[in-house]
Amino acid sequence: MSCIKEVYRNLDFRTVLDAGCGSGIVVRHFLSKGYVARGIELSDWIVQTQCPDLLQDGIVQIGSLDEL
């Protein structure tokens, strides 16, 4: 997570889209720091098994960046 910390230390932003969010670990990190964070992941299996709570809450969605 140290490289992620460098991002928010050096840039001024409040919203994040994690493309290819996988298990949602980066999304969770930014949410814990008070950012508005969302994720999109192509693999429905990953999302449904690793972050079903984020899916249910509408924070992560299953889909392709081409469909955004």
C-alpha atoms as a PDB file:
ATOM      1  CA  MET A   1       0.000   0.000   0.000  1.00  0.00           C
ATOM      2  CA  SER A   2       2.963   2.350   0.207  1.00  0.00           C
ATOM      3  CA  CYS A   3       2.727   3.225  -3.502  1.00  0.00           C
ATOM      4  CA  ILE A   4      -0.957   4.070  -3.004  1.00  0.00           C
ATOM      5  CA  LYS A   5      -0.064   6.371  -0.126  1.00  0.00           C
ATOM      6  CA  GLU A   6       2.292   8.242  -2.438  1.00  0.00           C
ATOM      7  CA  VAL A   7      -0.590   8.856  -4.848  1.00  0.00           C
ATOM      8  CA  TYR A   8      -2.828  10.584  -2.333  1.00  0.00           C
ATOM      9  CA  ARG A   9       0.025  12.410  -0.643  1.00  0.00           C
ATOM     10  CA  ASN A  10       1.110  14.009  -3.917  1.00  0.00           C
ATOM     11  CA  LEU A  11      -2.172  14.597  -5.760  1.00  0.00           C
ATOM     12  CA  ASP A  12      -5.259  16.603  -4.817  1.00  0.00           C
ATOM     13  CA  PHE A  13      -8.373  14.524  -5.488  1.00  0.00           C
ATOM     14  CA  ARG A  14     -11.341  13.078  -3.600  1.00  0.00           C
ATOM     15  CA  THR A  15     -12.741  10.467  -6.003  1.00  0.00           C
ATOM     16  CA  VAL A  16     -11.175   7.246  -7.272  1.00  0.00           C
ATOM     17  CA  LEU A  17     -12.151   4.675  -9.889  1.00  0.00           C
ATOM     18  CA  ASP A  18     -10.168   1.460  -9.551  1.00  0.00           C
ATOM     19  CA  ALA A  19     -10.319  -0.206 -12.964  1.00  0.00           C
ATOM     20  CA  GLY A  20      -9.684  -3.908 -12.600  1.00  0.00           C
ATOM     21  CA  CYS A  21     -10.298  -3.703  -8.866  1.00  0.00           C
ATOM     22  CA  GLY A  22      -9.987  -7.440  -8.232  1.00  0.00           C
ATOM     23  CA  SER A  23     -10.759  -8.181  -4.596  1.00  0.00           C
ATOM     24  CA  GLY A  24     -11.436  -4.524  -3.814  1.00  0.00           C
ATOM     25  CA  ILE A  25      -8.464  -4.005  -1.502  1.00  0.00           C
ATOM     26  CA  VAL A  26      -7.518  -0.646  -3.063  1.00  0.00           C
ATOM     27  CA  VAL A  27     -11.142   0.508  -3.038  1.00  0.00           C
ATOM     28  CA  ARG A  28     -11.404  -0.418   0.658  1.00  0.00           C
ATOM     29  CA  HIS A  29      -8.189   1.442   1.422  1.00  0.00           C
ATOM     30  CA  PHE A  30      -9.363   4.667  -0.191  1.00  0.00           C
ATOM     31  CA  LEU A  31     -12.780   4.380   1.473  1.00  0.00           C
ATOM     32  CA  SER A  32     -11.069   4.019   4.852  1.00  0.00           C
ATOM     33  CA  LYS A  33      -9.217   7.285   4.183  1.00  0.00           C
ATOM     34  CA  GLY A  34     -12.434   9.171   3.430  1.00  0.00           C
ATOM     35  CA  TYR A  35     -12.284   9.153  -0.353  1.00  0.00           C
ATOM     36  CA  VAL A  36     -15.214   8.440  -2.639  1.00  0.00           C
ATOM     37  CA  ALA A  37     -14.025   5.209  -4.239  1.00  0.00           C
ATOM     38  CA  ARG A  38     -15.611   2.888  -6.769  1.00  0.00           C
ATOM     39  CA  GLY A  39     -14.348  -0.170  -8.606  1.00  0.00           C
ATOM     40  CA  ILE A  40     -15.063  -2.160 -11.722  1.00  0.00           C
ATOM     41  CA  GLU A  41     -13.910  -5.714 -12.338  1.00  0.00           C
ATOM     42  CA  LEU A  42     -14.410  -7.955 -15.350  1.00  0.00           C
ATOM     43  CA  SER A  43     -14.350 -11.219 -13.361  1.00  0.00           C
ATOM     44  CA  ASP A  44     -17.700 -11.864 -11.740  1.00  0.00           C
ATOM     45  CA  TRP A  45     -16.162 -14.759  -9.779  1.00  0.00           C
ATOM     46  CA  ILE A  46     -13.585 -12.497  -8.124  1.00  0.00           C
ATOM     47  CA  VAL A  47     -16.153  -9.881  -7.149  1.00  0.00           C
ATOM     48  CA  GLN A  48     -18.734 -12.376  -5.907  1.00  0.00           C
ATOM     49  CA  THR A  49     -16.195 -14.319  -3.835  1.00  0.00           C
ATOM     50  CA  GLN A  50     -13.809 -11.574  -2.681  1.00  0.00           C
ATOM     51  CA  CYS A  51     -15.929  -8.457  -2.221  1.00  0.00           C
ATOM     52  CA  PRO A  52     -19.641  -9.319  -2.301  1.00  0.00           C
ATOM     53  CA  ASP A  53     -20.318  -6.610   0.286  1.00  0.00           C
ATOM     54  CA  LEU A  54     -18.914  -3.927  -2.028  1.00  0.00           C
ATOM     55  CA  LEU A  55     -20.983  -5.332  -4.890  1.00  0.00           C
ATOM     56  CA  GLN A  56     -24.140  -5.324  -2.794  1.00  0.00           C
ATOM     57  CA  ASP A  57     -23.495  -1.737  -1.690  1.00  0.00           C
ATOM     58  CA  GLY A  58     -22.983  -0.595  -5.296  1.00  0.00           C
ATOM     59  CA  ILE A  59     -19.368   0.384  -4.678  1.00  0.00           C
ATOM     60  CA  VAL A  60     -17.951  -2.245  -7.033  1.00  0.00           C
ATOM     61  CA  GLN A  61     -19.585  -3.440 -10.210  1.00  0.00           C
ATOM     62  CA  ILE A  62     -18.952  -6.314 -12.556  1.00  0.00           C
ATOM     63  CA  GLY A  63     -18.225  -5.195 -16.063  1.00  0.00           C
ATOM     64  CA  SER A  64     -15.817  -4.034 -18.693  1.00  0.00           C
ATOM     65  CA  LEU A  65     -14.279  -0.600 -19.061  1.00  0.00           C
ATOM     66  CA  ASP A  66     -15.513  -0.692 -22.646  1.00  0.00           C
ATOM     67  CA  GLU A  67     -19.067  -0.681 -21.273  1.00  0.00           C
ATOM     68  CA  LEU A  68     -18.688   2.372 -19.045  1.00  0.00           C
END
